């Protein structure tokens, strides 16, 4: 069964319940001959009804008391906000406004926005302590790794230096041995020469 629901300026800001197929009739005053009502609405939910008086001014009593009539049909289940602005035609200066919310049928309720539960101060403190401990452990591990690398490099350098020292000692020993052998040969040659010379002298005297 189709129902006609009439609203006026006194219903501004209200929520109006309608059934699918119901008619919503809006009557608003016109107090300025230079102004006109403009409509903003979801036409898929509230469809404007075409009629000879839907967008015309109706004189209720006299020229000082005029009413602007508009009719809409509830086309489908849902919610729609009907916004009407009374503004001057030449420059768009607003004079008046009107707004209502139309609830057609039983539209699903909007899902509540899930809000994050604020963490307790103790949890925040524990989390910060955990982050600090993790950062300190990571820094300690890094320092230990650097120290191990430095110690390994120093050990390698010490081994290289020790090997170089041993090689130097071997080379010096070999040089000393060669010098000793050379000295022995020279001494032996000198002793042999002296012996030959003595034998020659004795031999010349015996003659």
C-alpha atoms as a PDB file:
ATOM      1  CA  UNK A   1       0.000   0.000   0.000  1.00  0.00           C
ATOM      2  CA  UNK A   2       1.433   3.359  -1.051  1.00  0.00           C
ATOM      3  CA  UNK A   3       1.735   5.985   1.668  1.00  0.00           C
ATOM      4  CA  UNK A   4       2.212   9.728   1.231  1.00  0.00           C
ATOM      5  CA  UNK A   5       4.480  11.363   3.820  1.00  0.00           C
ATOM      6  CA  UNK A   6       4.527  15.165   3.991  1.00  0.00           C
ATOM      7  CA  UNK A   7       7.386  17.120   5.568  1.00  0.00           C
ATOM      8  CA  UNK A   8       8.135  20.822   5.937  1.00  0.00           C
ATOM      9  CA  UNK A   9      10.665  23.266   7.266  1.00  0.00           C
ATOM     10  CA  UNK A  10       9.970  22.118  10.837  1.00  0.00           C
ATOM     11  CA  UNK A  11      11.337  18.639   9.942  1.00  0.00           C
ATOM     12  CA  UNK A  12      14.805  19.932   9.111  1.00  0.00           C
ATOM     13  CA  UNK A  13      17.483  17.551  10.385  1.00  0.00           C
ATOM     14  CA  UNK A  14      15.089  14.675  11.086  1.00  0.00           C
ATOM     15  CA  UNK A  15      15.199  11.056   9.899  1.00  0.00           C
ATOM     16  CA  UNK A  16      12.061   9.970   7.972  1.00  0.00           C
ATOM     17  CA  UNK A  17      11.104   6.300   7.584  1.00  0.00           C
ATOM     18  CA  UNK A  18       9.559   5.185   4.306  1.00  0.00           C
ATOM     19  CA  UNK A  19       8.535   1.955   2.642  1.00  0.00           C
ATOM     20  CA  UNK A  20       9.497   1.079  -0.900  1.00  0.00           C
ATOM     21  CA  UNK A  21       6.978   2.842  -3.191  1.00  0.00           C
ATOM     22  CA  UNK A  22       5.967   5.500  -0.634  1.00  0.00           C
ATOM     23  CA  UNK A  23       5.790   9.162  -1.690  1.00  0.00           C
ATOM     24  CA  UNK A  24       7.710  11.880   0.143  1.00  0.00           C
ATOM     25  CA  UNK A  25       6.225  15.344  -0.312  1.00  0.00           C
ATOM     26  CA  UNK A  26       8.413  18.300   0.671  1.00  0.00           C
ATOM     27  CA  UNK A  27       6.830  21.731   1.191  1.00  0.00           C
ATOM     28  CA  UNK A  28       9.251  24.604   1.721  1.00  0.00           C
ATOM     29  CA  UNK A  29       8.599  28.355   1.932  1.00  0.00           C
ATOM     30  CA  UNK A  30       9.728  30.811  -0.714  1.00  0.00           C
ATOM     31  CA  UNK A  31      10.349  34.265   0.687  1.00  0.00           C
ATOM     32  CA  UNK A  32      12.593  35.743  -1.998  1.00  0.00           C
ATOM     33  CA  UNK A  33      11.384  36.140  -5.569  1.00  0.00           C
ATOM     34  CA  UNK A  34      15.022  36.205  -6.758  1.00  0.00           C
ATOM     35  CA  UNK A  35      15.866  32.840  -5.184  1.00  0.00           C
ATOM     36  CA  UNK A  36      15.067  29.207  -5.985  1.00  0.00           C
ATOM     37  CA  UNK A  37      15.362  25.801  -4.275  1.00  0.00           C
ATOM     38  CA  UNK A  38      18.031  23.435  -5.583  1.00  0.00           C
ATOM     39  CA  UNK A  39      18.036  19.713  -4.762  1.00  0.00           C
ATOM     40  CA  UNK A  40      20.825  17.228  -4.079  1.00  0.00           C
ATOM     41  CA  UNK A  41      19.778  13.605  -3.454  1.00  0.00           C
ATOM     42  CA  UNK A  42      20.559  10.014  -4.417  1.00  0.00           C
ATOM     43  CA  UNK A  43      17.941   9.601  -7.141  1.00  0.00           C
ATOM     44  CA  UNK A  44      18.319   5.810  -7.154  1.00  0.00           C
ATOM     45  CA  UNK A  45      16.912   5.715  -3.610  1.00  0.00           C
ATOM     46  CA  UNK A  46      14.660   8.801  -3.723  1.00  0.00           C
ATOM     47  CA  UNK A  47      13.434   9.267  -7.300  1.00  0.00           C
ATOM     48  CA  UNK A  48      11.857  12.648  -8.201  1.00  0.00           C
ATOM     49  CA  UNK A  49       8.231  12.331  -9.308  1.00  0.00           C
ATOM     50  CA  UNK A  50       7.316  14.227 -12.457  1.00  0.00           C
ATOM     51  CA  UNK A  51       4.129  16.268 -12.056  1.00  0.00           C
ATOM     52  CA  UNK A  52       2.901  19.696 -13.156  1.00  0.00           C
ATOM     53  CA  UNK A  53       3.416  21.095  -9.652  1.00  0.00           C
ATOM     54  CA  UNK A  54       6.573  19.272  -8.660  1.00  0.00           C
ATOM     55  CA  UNK A  55       8.888  22.161  -9.457  1.00  0.00           C
ATOM     56  CA  UNK A  56       6.417  25.027  -9.332  1.00  0.00           C
ATOM     57  CA  UNK A  57       5.590  27.535  -6.647  1.00  0.00           C
ATOM     58  CA  UNK A  58       2.139  27.099  -5.144  1.00  0.00           C
ATOM     59  CA  UNK A  59       0.405  30.127  -3.704  1.00  0.00           C
ATOM     60  CA  UNK A  60      -1.116  29.012  -0.429  1.00  0.00           C
ATOM     61  CA  UNK A  61      -2.592  32.302   0.836  1.00  0.00           C
ATOM     62  CA  UNK A  62      -1.155  35.284  -0.970  1.00  0.00           C
ATOM     63  CA  UNK A  63       2.024  36.497  -2.589  1.00  0.00           C
ATOM     64  CA  UNK A  64       3.723  36.821   0.783  1.00  0.00           C
ATOM     65  CA  UNK A  65       3.068  33.194   1.717  1.00  0.00           C
ATOM     66  CA  UNK A  66       4.334  30.893  -1.010  1.00  0.00           C
ATOM     67  CA  UNK A  67       5.270  27.224  -0.777  1.00  0.00           C
ATOM     68  CA  UNK A  68       7.552  25.223  -3.047  1.00  0.00           C
ATOM     69  CA  UNK A  69       6.436  21.607  -3.506  1.00  0.00           C
ATOM     70  CA  UNK A  70       8.576  18.633  -4.511  1.00  0.00           C
ATOM     71  CA  UNK A  71       7.628  14.959  -4.481  1.00  0.00           C
ATOM     72  CA  UNK A  72       9.926  11.924  -4.373  1.00  0.00           C
ATOM     73  CA  UNK A  73       9.235   8.194  -4.535  1.00  0.00           C
ATOM     74  CA  UNK A  74      11.116   5.706  -2.350  1.00  0.00           C
ATOM     75  CA  UNK A  75      12.539   3.538  -5.126  1.00  0.00           C
ATOM     76  CA  UNK A  76      14.614   0.993  -3.210  1.00  0.00           C
ATOM     77  CA  UNK A  77      15.752  -0.054   0.235  1.00  0.00           C
ATOM     78  CA  UNK A  78      18.518   2.137   1.548  1.00  0.00           C
ATOM     79  CA  UNK A  79      19.391   5.494   3.047  1.00  0.00           C
ATOM     80  CA  UNK A  80      19.470   8.837   1.278  1.00  0.00           C
ATOM     81  CA  UNK A  81      20.089  12.369   2.491  1.00  0.00           C
ATOM     82  CA  UNK A  82      17.909  14.995   0.854  1.00  0.00           C
ATOM     83  CA  UNK A  83      19.691  18.361   0.760  1.00  0.00           C
ATOM     84  CA  UNK A  84      17.852  21.437  -0.547  1.00  0.00           C
ATOM     85  CA  UNK A  85      19.463  24.877  -0.782  1.00  0.00           C
ATOM     86  CA  UNK A  86      17.526  28.104  -1.265  1.00  0.00           C
ATOM     87  CA  UNK A  87      19.905  30.466  -3.097  1.00  0.00           C
ATOM     88  CA  UNK A  88      19.657  33.488  -5.339  1.00  0.00           C
ATOM     89  CA  UNK A  89      19.635  32.783  -9.035  1.00  0.00           C
ATOM     90  CA  UNK A  90      21.945  35.563 -10.227  1.00  0.00           C
ATOM     91  CA  UNK A  91      24.905  35.013  -7.884  1.00  0.00           C
ATOM     92  CA  UNK A  92      24.163  31.800  -5.944  1.00  0.00           C
ATOM     93  CA  UNK A  93      24.050  33.536  -2.558  1.00  0.00           C
ATOM     94  CA  UNK A  94      22.463  31.084  -0.064  1.00  0.00           C
ATOM     95  CA  UNK A  95      19.308  32.256   1.641  1.00  0.00           C
ATOM     96  CA  UNK A  96      18.027  29.117   3.376  1.00  0.00           C
ATOM     97  CA  UNK A  97      18.625  25.365   3.515  1.00  0.00           C
ATOM     98  CA  UNK A  98      16.805  22.149   4.341  1.00  0.00           C
ATOM     99  CA  UNK A  99      18.025  18.574   4.921  1.00  0.00           C
ATOM    100  CA  UNK A 100      16.474  15.301   6.049  1.00  0.00           C
ATOM    101  CA  UNK A 101      17.556  11.656   6.009  1.00  0.00           C
ATOM    102  CA  UNK A 102      15.210   9.181   4.354  1.00  0.00           C
ATOM    103  CA  UNK A 103      15.407   5.567   5.573  1.00  0.00           C
ATOM    104  CA  UNK A 104      13.677   3.288   3.079  1.00  0.00           C
ATOM    105  CA  UNK A 105      12.687  -0.176   4.326  1.00  0.00           C
ATOM    106  CA  UNK A 106      15.126  -1.822   6.700  1.00  0.00           C
ATOM    107  CA  UNK A 107      18.545  -1.069   5.244  1.00  0.00           C
ATOM    108  CA  UNK A 108      21.495  -2.909   6.765  1.00  0.00           C
ATOM    109  CA  UNK A 109      23.113  -1.037   9.551  1.00  0.00           C
ATOM    110  CA  UNK A 110      26.505   0.379   8.702  1.00  0.00           C
ATOM    111  CA  UNK A 111      29.300  -1.739  10.042  1.00  0.00           C
ATOM    112  CA  UNK A 112      30.920  -0.188  13.078  1.00  0.00           C
ATOM    113  CA  UNK A 113      34.368   1.138  12.504  1.00  0.00           C
ATOM    114  CA  UNK A 114      36.814  -1.100  14.263  1.00  0.00           C
ATOM    115  CA  UNK A 115      38.907   0.887  16.627  1.00  0.00           C
ATOM    116  CA  UNK A 116      42.272  -0.196  17.817  1.00  0.00           C
ATOM    117  CA  UNK A 117      42.359  -0.924  21.526  1.00  0.00           C
ATOM    118  CA  UNK A 118      44.917   1.419  23.078  1.00  0.00           C
ATOM    119  CA  UNK A 119      47.818  -0.405  24.620  1.00  0.00           C
ATOM    120  CA  UNK A 120      48.342  -0.072  28.344  1.00  0.00           C
ATOM    121  CA  UNK A 121      51.328   1.977  29.575  1.00  0.00           C
ATOM    122  CA  UNK A 122      52.914  -1.187  31.029  1.00  0.00           C
ATOM    123  CA  UNK A 123      52.786  -2.939  27.647  1.00  0.00           C
ATOM    124  CA  UNK A 124      54.359   0.101  25.999  1.00  0.00           C
ATOM    125  CA  UNK A 125      57.135   0.137  28.604  1.00  0.00           C
ATOM    126  CA  UNK A 126      57.793  -3.596  28.188  1.00  0.00           C
ATOM    127  CA  UNK A 127      57.840  -3.236  24.421  1.00  0.00           C
ATOM    128  CA  UNK A 128      60.339  -0.373  24.620  1.00  0.00           C
ATOM    129  CA  UNK A 129      62.519  -2.386  27.039  1.00  0.00           C
ATOM    130  CA  UNK A 130      62.409  -5.324  24.617  1.00  0.00           C
ATOM    131  CA  UNK A 131      63.438  -3.085  21.727  1.00  0.00           C
ATOM    132  CA  UNK A 132      66.291  -1.639  23.802  1.00  0.00           C
ATOM    133  CA  UNK A 133      67.514  -5.095  24.828  1.00  0.00           C
ATOM    134  CA  UNK A 134      67.323  -6.334  21.240  1.00  0.00           C
ATOM    135  CA  UNK A 135      69.298  -3.303  20.022  1.00  0.00           C
ATOM    136  CA  UNK A 136      71.923  -3.789  22.764  1.00  0.00           C
ATOM    137  CA  UNK A 137      72.261  -7.506  21.917  1.00  0.00           C
ATOM    138  CA  UNK A 138      72.673  -6.704  18.238  1.00  0.00           C
ATOM    139  CA  UNK A 139      75.310  -4.054  19.028  1.00  0.00           C
ATOM    140  CA  UNK A 140      77.178  -6.455  21.338  1.00  0.00           C
ATOM    141  CA  UNK A 141      77.170  -9.162  18.681  1.00  0.00           C
ATOM    142  CA  UNK A 142      78.494  -6.689  16.127  1.00  0.00           C
ATOM    143  CA  UNK A 143      81.274  -5.527  18.455  1.00  0.00           C
ATOM    144  CA  UNK A 144      82.204  -9.135  19.263  1.00  0.00           C
ATOM    145  CA  UNK A 145      82.361  -9.945  15.542  1.00  0.00           C
ATOM    146  CA  UNK A 146      84.607  -6.915  14.875  1.00  0.00           C
ATOM    147  CA  UNK A 147      86.872  -7.845  17.816  1.00  0.00           C
ATOM    148  CA  UNK A 148      87.147 -11.447  16.586  1.00  0.00           C
ATOM    149  CA  UNK A 149      88.089 -10.252  13.102  1.00  0.00           C
ATOM    150  CA  UNK A 150      90.741  -7.888  14.521  1.00  0.00           C
ATOM    151  CA  UNK A 151      92.170 -10.663  16.728  1.00  0.00           C
ATOM    152  CA  UNK A 152      92.281 -13.031  13.779  1.00  0.00           C
ATOM    153  CA  UNK A 153      94.079 -10.433  11.665  1.00  0.00           C
ATOM    154  CA  UNK A 154      96.576  -9.762  14.483  1.00  0.00           C
ATOM    155  CA  UNK A 155      97.194 -13.500  14.857  1.00  0.00           C
ATOM    156  CA  UNK A 156      97.826 -13.834  11.135  1.00  0.00           C
ATOM    157  CA  UNK A 157     100.207 -10.852  11.214  1.00  0.00           C
ATOM    158  CA  UNK A 158     102.057 -12.349  14.187  1.00  0.00           C
ATOM    159  CA  UNK A 159     102.373 -15.667  12.392  1.00  0.00           C
ATOM    160  CA  UNK A 160     103.695 -13.900   9.298  1.00  0.00           C
ATOM    161  CA  UNK A 161     106.147 -11.902  11.409  1.00  0.00           C
ATOM    162  CA  UNK A 162     107.279 -15.051  13.235  1.00  0.00           C
ATOM    163  CA  UNK A 163     107.791 -16.873   9.965  1.00  0.00           C
ATOM    164  CA  UNK A 164     109.777 -13.914   8.611  1.00  0.00           C
ATOM    165  CA  UNK A 165     111.884 -13.868  11.777  1.00  0.00           C
ATOM    166  CA  UNK A 166     112.620 -17.588  11.510  1.00  0.00           C
ATOM    167  CA  UNK A 167     113.572 -17.197   7.865  1.00  0.00           C
ATOM    168  CA  UNK A 168     115.881 -14.314   8.767  1.00  0.00           C
ATOM    169  CA  UNK A 169     117.528 -16.382  11.484  1.00  0.00           C
ATOM    170  CA  UNK A 170     118.017 -19.294   9.062  1.00  0.00           C
ATOM    171  CA  UNK A 171     119.517 -16.981   6.473  1.00  0.00           C
ATOM    172  CA  UNK A 172     121.895 -15.474   9.067  1.00  0.00           C
ATOM    173  CA  UNK A 173     122.898 -18.953  10.235  1.00  0.00           C
ATOM    174  CA  UNK A 174     123.568 -20.052   6.679  1.00  0.00           C
ATOM    175  CA  UNK A 175     125.665 -16.923   6.087  1.00  0.00           C
ATOM    176  CA  UNK A 176     127.641 -17.542   9.284  1.00  0.00           C
ATOM    177  CA  UNK A 177     128.229 -21.151   8.238  1.00  0.00           C
ATOM    178  CA  UNK A 178     129.473 -20.075   4.848  1.00  0.00           C
ATOM    179  CA  UNK A 179     131.760 -17.500   6.400  1.00  0.00           C
ATOM    180  CA  UNK A 180     133.081 -20.120   8.833  1.00  0.00           C
ATOM    181  CA  UNK A 181     133.753 -22.561   6.003  1.00  0.00           C
ATOM    182  CA  UNK A 182     135.412 -19.855   3.981  1.00  0.00           C
ATOM    183  CA  UNK A 183     137.565 -18.869   6.947  1.00  0.00           C
ATOM    184  CA  UNK A 184     138.505 -22.519   7.518  1.00  0.00           C
ATOM    185  CA  UNK A 185     139.523 -22.905   3.905  1.00  0.00           C
ATOM    186  CA  UNK A 186     141.559 -19.701   4.033  1.00  0.00           C
ATOM    187  CA  UNK A 187     143.254 -20.808   7.266  1.00  0.00           C
ATOM    188  CA  UNK A 188     143.975 -24.240   5.831  1.00  0.00           C
ATOM    189  CA  UNK A 189     145.425 -22.687   2.698  1.00  0.00           C
ATOM    190  CA  UNK A 190     147.606 -20.333   4.788  1.00  0.00           C
ATOM    191  CA  UNK A 191     148.771 -23.227   6.988  1.00  0.00           C
ATOM    192  CA  UNK A 192     149.612 -25.325   3.945  1.00  0.00           C
ATOM    193  CA  UNK A 193     151.493 -22.467   2.348  1.00  0.00           C
ATOM    194  CA  UNK A 194     153.440 -21.870   5.578  1.00  0.00           C
ATOM    195  CA  UNK A 195     154.268 -25.562   5.884  1.00  0.00           C
ATOM    196  CA  UNK A 196     155.526 -25.713   2.317  1.00  0.00           C
ATOM    197  CA  UNK A 197     157.616 -22.603   2.917  1.00  0.00           C
ATOM    198  CA  UNK A 198     159.212 -24.026   6.090  1.00  0.00           C
ATOM    199  CA  UNK A 199     160.019 -27.286   4.337  1.00  0.00           C
ATOM    200  CA  UNK A 200     161.644 -25.336   1.513  1.00  0.00           C
ATOM    201  CA  UNK A 201     163.822 -23.338   3.927  1.00  0.00           C
ATOM    202  CA  UNK A 202     165.015 -26.444   5.798  1.00  0.00           C
ATOM    203  CA  UNK A 203     165.750 -28.166   2.552  1.00  0.00           C
ATOM    204  CA  UNK A 204     167.910 -25.268   1.306  1.00  0.00           C
ATOM    205  CA  UNK A 205     169.962 -25.233   4.538  1.00  0.00           C
ATOM    206  CA  UNK A 206     170.652 -28.925   4.463  1.00  0.00           C
ATOM    207  CA  UNK A 207     172.259 -28.544   1.109  1.00  0.00           C
END
